[in-house]
């Protein structure tokens, strides 16, 4: 999380391999939202990442908020991931 954007990765810790990554700076999100540092952009980003994860067969994840408080953008992102079908 930064002041202007939100970043996320889905990593397989057993193989030390990044399976998926994205941010609010991706083209499709940037076109829809001029500013990536708000709740609406993070919610949409969560929906997009959940769709990509489900397409790769990823259903269960561990959500690491990296010490950030669970409110605002972080909460809306997590809620969108859950709504998209990911379990954590």
N, C-alpha and C. Protein backbone atom coordinates (compact mmCIF):
# COMPACT_ATOMS: atom_id res chain seq x y z
N UNK A 1 0.86 -1.17 0.00
CA UNK A 1 0.00 0.00 0.00
C UNK A 1 0.90 1.22 0.00
N UNK A 2 0.53 2.20 -0.80
CA UNK A 2 1.21 3.48 -0.77
C UNK A 2 0.13 4.56 -0.71
N UNK A 3 0.52 5.77 -0.69
CA UNK A 3 -0.47 6.84 -0.64
C UNK A 3 -1.32 6.90 -1.90
N UNK A 4 -0.75 6.51 -3.03
CA UNK A 4 -1.45 6.68 -4.30
C UNK A 4 -1.90 5.38 -4.95
N UNK A 5 -1.41 4.23 -4.50
CA UNK A 5 -1.75 2.96 -5.14
C UNK A 5 -1.78 1.81 -4.14
N UNK A 6 -2.28 0.68 -4.62
CA UNK A 6 -2.33 -0.54 -3.85
C UNK A 6 -1.70 -1.65 -4.69
N UNK A 7 -0.88 -2.47 -4.07
CA UNK A 7 -0.15 -3.54 -4.76
C UNK A 7 -0.45 -4.86 -4.07
N UNK A 8 -0.49 -5.96 -4.85
CA UNK A 8 -0.73 -7.27 -4.27
C UNK A 8 -0.03 -8.35 -5.08
N UNK A 9 0.39 -9.39 -4.37
CA UNK A 9 1.00 -10.56 -5.00
C UNK A 9 0.42 -11.81 -4.36
N UNK A 10 0.29 -12.84 -5.17
CA UNK A 10 -0.07 -14.15 -4.66
C UNK A 10 1.16 -15.02 -4.88
N UNK A 11 1.73 -15.49 -3.77
CA UNK A 11 3.01 -16.20 -3.80
C UNK A 11 2.84 -17.61 -3.23
N UNK A 12 3.46 -18.58 -3.88
CA UNK A 12 3.53 -19.93 -3.36
C UNK A 12 4.80 -20.01 -2.52
N UNK A 13 4.65 -19.99 -1.20
CA UNK A 13 5.80 -19.98 -0.30
C UNK A 13 6.60 -21.28 -0.34
N UNK A 14 5.95 -22.40 -0.63
CA UNK A 14 6.67 -23.67 -0.65
C UNK A 14 7.65 -23.75 -1.81
N UNK A 15 7.31 -23.10 -2.93
CA UNK A 15 8.18 -23.12 -4.10
C UNK A 15 8.92 -21.80 -4.30
N UNK A 16 8.63 -20.81 -3.44
CA UNK A 16 9.23 -19.47 -3.55
C UNK A 16 9.01 -18.90 -4.94
N UNK A 17 7.74 -18.94 -5.38
CA UNK A 17 7.40 -18.49 -6.73
C UNK A 17 6.17 -17.57 -6.69
N UNK A 18 6.24 -16.47 -7.40
CA UNK A 18 5.10 -15.56 -7.49
C UNK A 18 4.14 -16.09 -8.54
N UNK A 19 2.89 -16.33 -8.14
CA UNK A 19 1.89 -16.87 -9.04
C UNK A 19 1.12 -15.78 -9.77
N UNK A 20 0.83 -14.70 -9.07
CA UNK A 20 0.08 -13.57 -9.62
C UNK A 20 0.54 -12.29 -8.95
N UNK A 21 0.49 -11.21 -9.69
CA UNK A 21 0.76 -9.91 -9.09
C UNK A 21 -0.05 -8.86 -9.84
N UNK A 22 -0.27 -7.76 -9.17
CA UNK A 22 -1.02 -6.67 -9.79
C UNK A 22 -1.03 -5.45 -8.90
N UNK A 23 -1.56 -4.39 -9.44
CA UNK A 23 -1.69 -3.15 -8.68
C UNK A 23 -2.78 -2.29 -9.29
N UNK A 24 -3.06 -1.20 -8.62
CA UNK A 24 -4.04 -0.26 -9.15
C UNK A 24 -3.45 0.55 -10.30
N UNK A 25 -2.20 0.28 -10.66
CA UNK A 25 -1.58 0.94 -11.80
C UNK A 25 -1.75 0.13 -13.09
N UNK A 26 -2.37 -1.04 -13.02
CA UNK A 26 -2.61 -1.84 -14.22
C UNK A 26 -3.50 -1.06 -15.19
N UNK A 27 -3.34 -1.34 -16.47
CA UNK A 27 -4.02 -0.57 -17.52
C UNK A 27 -5.53 -0.51 -17.34
N UNK A 28 -6.17 -1.67 -17.14
CA UNK A 28 -7.62 -1.68 -17.07
C UNK A 28 -8.15 -0.93 -15.84
N UNK A 29 -7.42 -0.96 -14.75
CA UNK A 29 -7.85 -0.23 -13.55
C UNK A 29 -7.56 1.26 -13.71
N UNK A 30 -6.41 1.58 -14.30
CA UNK A 30 -6.02 2.98 -14.52
C UNK A 30 -7.01 3.69 -15.44
N UNK A 31 -7.54 2.97 -16.43
CA UNK A 31 -8.52 3.56 -17.34
C UNK A 31 -9.84 3.86 -16.63
N UNK A 32 -10.20 3.00 -15.70
CA UNK A 32 -11.47 3.16 -15.00
C UNK A 32 -11.38 4.17 -13.85
N UNK A 33 -10.22 4.22 -13.18
CA UNK A 33 -10.02 5.12 -12.05
C UNK A 33 -8.77 5.96 -12.28
N UNK A 34 -8.91 7.26 -12.27
CA UNK A 34 -7.76 8.15 -12.48
C UNK A 34 -6.82 8.10 -11.28
N UNK A 35 -7.37 7.88 -10.10
CA UNK A 35 -6.57 7.86 -8.87
C UNK A 35 -6.72 6.49 -8.22
N UNK A 36 -5.64 5.78 -8.02
CA UNK A 36 -5.68 4.43 -7.48
C UNK A 36 -5.63 4.36 -5.97
N UNK A 37 -5.59 5.47 -5.29
CA UNK A 37 -5.44 5.47 -3.84
C UNK A 37 -6.74 5.66 -3.09
N UNK A 38 -7.85 5.20 -3.65
CA UNK A 38 -9.11 5.34 -2.94
C UNK A 38 -9.78 3.98 -2.75
N UNK A 39 -10.84 3.94 -1.99
CA UNK A 39 -11.52 2.70 -1.64
C UNK A 39 -12.16 2.06 -2.86
N UNK A 40 -12.74 2.83 -3.75
CA UNK A 40 -13.40 2.26 -4.92
C UNK A 40 -12.41 1.56 -5.85
N UNK A 41 -11.25 2.15 -6.03
CA UNK A 41 -10.22 1.54 -6.88
C UNK A 41 -9.69 0.26 -6.25
N UNK A 42 -9.51 0.25 -4.94
CA UNK A 42 -9.00 -0.95 -4.28
C UNK A 42 -10.05 -2.07 -4.30
N UNK A 43 -11.31 -1.71 -4.22
CA UNK A 43 -12.37 -2.72 -4.29
C UNK A 43 -12.41 -3.35 -5.69
N UNK A 44 -12.32 -2.52 -6.71
CA UNK A 44 -12.31 -3.04 -8.08
C UNK A 44 -11.06 -3.90 -8.31
N UNK A 45 -9.93 -3.47 -7.80
CA UNK A 45 -8.70 -4.23 -7.92
C UNK A 45 -8.84 -5.60 -7.25
N UNK A 46 -9.50 -5.66 -6.12
CA UNK A 46 -9.75 -6.93 -5.45
C UNK A 46 -10.59 -7.87 -6.29
N UNK A 47 -11.60 -7.33 -6.96
CA UNK A 47 -12.44 -8.14 -7.83
C UNK A 47 -11.64 -8.69 -9.01
N UNK A 48 -10.81 -7.84 -9.61
CA UNK A 48 -9.99 -8.25 -10.75
C UNK A 48 -8.99 -9.33 -10.34
N UNK A 49 -8.33 -9.13 -9.20
CA UNK A 49 -7.34 -10.10 -8.74
C UNK A 49 -8.00 -11.43 -8.38
N UNK A 50 -9.18 -11.40 -7.80
CA UNK A 50 -9.90 -12.63 -7.45
C UNK A 50 -10.27 -13.41 -8.72
N UNK A 51 -10.69 -12.70 -9.76
CA UNK A 51 -11.02 -13.36 -11.02
C UNK A 51 -9.79 -14.02 -11.63
N UNK A 52 -8.67 -13.33 -11.62
CA UNK A 52 -7.43 -13.88 -12.16
C UNK A 52 -6.98 -15.10 -11.36
N UNK A 53 -7.10 -15.03 -10.04
CA UNK A 53 -6.70 -16.14 -9.18
C UNK A 53 -7.58 -17.36 -9.43
N UNK A 54 -8.88 -17.16 -9.53
CA UNK A 54 -9.79 -18.28 -9.77
C UNK A 54 -9.54 -18.89 -11.14
N UNK A 55 -9.16 -18.07 -12.12
CA UNK A 55 -8.85 -18.59 -13.46
C UNK A 55 -7.62 -19.49 -13.42
N UNK A 56 -6.70 -19.23 -12.48
CA UNK A 56 -5.49 -20.05 -12.33
C UNK A 56 -5.71 -21.21 -11.36
N UNK A 57 -6.91 -21.32 -10.81
CA UNK A 57 -7.21 -22.42 -9.90
C UNK A 57 -6.85 -22.15 -8.46
N UNK A 58 -6.61 -20.92 -8.10
CA UNK A 58 -6.26 -20.54 -6.73
C UNK A 58 -7.54 -20.19 -5.98
N UNK A 59 -7.80 -20.89 -4.88
CA UNK A 59 -9.01 -20.65 -4.11
C UNK A 59 -8.70 -20.21 -2.68
N UNK A 60 -7.66 -20.80 -2.09
CA UNK A 60 -7.30 -20.47 -0.71
C UNK A 60 -6.01 -19.66 -0.69
N UNK A 61 -6.03 -18.59 0.10
CA UNK A 61 -4.86 -17.72 0.24
C UNK A 61 -4.70 -17.34 1.71
N UNK A 62 -3.55 -16.79 2.03
CA UNK A 62 -3.31 -16.20 3.35
C UNK A 62 -3.16 -14.71 3.10
N UNK A 63 -3.96 -13.91 3.79
CA UNK A 63 -3.96 -12.46 3.58
C UNK A 63 -3.00 -11.81 4.57
N UNK A 64 -1.92 -11.22 4.06
CA UNK A 64 -0.93 -10.54 4.88
C UNK A 64 -1.06 -9.04 4.60
N UNK A 65 -1.50 -8.31 5.57
CA UNK A 65 -1.72 -6.87 5.36
C UNK A 65 -0.48 -6.05 5.65
N UNK A 66 0.63 -6.71 5.91
CA UNK A 66 1.94 -6.07 6.09
C UNK A 66 1.95 -4.99 7.17
N UNK A 67 1.20 -5.22 8.23
CA UNK A 67 1.20 -4.29 9.34
C UNK A 67 0.24 -3.11 9.20
N UNK A 68 -0.39 -2.97 8.05
CA UNK A 68 -1.34 -1.87 7.86
C UNK A 68 -2.64 -2.18 8.60
N UNK A 69 -3.28 -1.16 9.11
CA UNK A 69 -4.54 -1.34 9.80
C UNK A 69 -5.60 -1.90 8.85
N UNK A 70 -6.48 -2.72 9.40
CA UNK A 70 -7.53 -3.36 8.60
C UNK A 70 -8.74 -2.43 8.53
N UNK A 71 -8.62 -1.40 7.70
CA UNK A 71 -9.74 -0.50 7.45
C UNK A 71 -9.48 0.21 6.14
N UNK A 72 -10.45 0.92 5.65
CA UNK A 72 -10.29 1.68 4.42
C UNK A 72 -9.98 0.82 3.21
N UNK A 73 -8.90 1.16 2.51
CA UNK A 73 -8.54 0.46 1.27
C UNK A 73 -8.19 -1.00 1.50
N UNK A 74 -7.51 -1.29 2.58
CA UNK A 74 -7.11 -2.67 2.87
C UNK A 74 -8.36 -3.52 3.12
N UNK A 75 -9.30 -3.00 3.86
CA UNK A 75 -10.53 -3.73 4.17
C UNK A 75 -11.37 -3.93 2.91
N UNK A 76 -11.52 -2.90 2.09
CA UNK A 76 -12.34 -3.04 0.88
C UNK A 76 -11.69 -4.00 -0.11
N UNK A 77 -10.36 -4.02 -0.16
CA UNK A 77 -9.65 -4.96 -1.02
C UNK A 77 -9.89 -6.39 -0.55
N UNK A 78 -9.77 -6.64 0.76
CA UNK A 78 -9.98 -7.97 1.32
C UNK A 78 -11.43 -8.42 1.13
N UNK A 79 -12.37 -7.53 1.35
CA UNK A 79 -13.78 -7.87 1.17
C UNK A 79 -14.08 -8.23 -0.29
N UNK A 80 -13.46 -7.53 -1.22
CA UNK A 80 -13.66 -7.82 -2.64
C UNK A 80 -13.05 -9.17 -3.01
N UNK A 81 -11.92 -9.52 -2.41
CA UNK A 81 -11.32 -10.84 -2.65
C UNK A 81 -12.25 -11.94 -2.15
N UNK A 82 -12.81 -11.75 -0.96
CA UNK A 82 -13.76 -12.74 -0.42
C UNK A 82 -15.00 -12.84 -1.29
N UNK A 83 -15.50 -11.70 -1.71
CA UNK A 83 -16.69 -11.67 -2.57
C UNK A 83 -16.41 -12.36 -3.91
N UNK A 84 -15.16 -12.27 -4.37
CA UNK A 84 -14.77 -12.90 -5.62
C UNK A 84 -14.56 -14.40 -5.51
N UNK A 85 -14.64 -14.95 -4.29
CA UNK A 85 -14.58 -16.39 -4.12
C UNK A 85 -13.31 -16.92 -3.49
N UNK A 86 -12.41 -16.06 -3.07
CA UNK A 86 -11.18 -16.53 -2.42
C UNK A 86 -11.44 -16.71 -0.92
N UNK A 87 -10.83 -17.74 -0.36
CA UNK A 87 -10.97 -18.03 1.07
C UNK A 87 -9.66 -17.71 1.78
N UNK A 88 -9.77 -17.02 2.92
CA UNK A 88 -8.59 -16.79 3.77
C UNK A 88 -9.01 -16.51 5.17
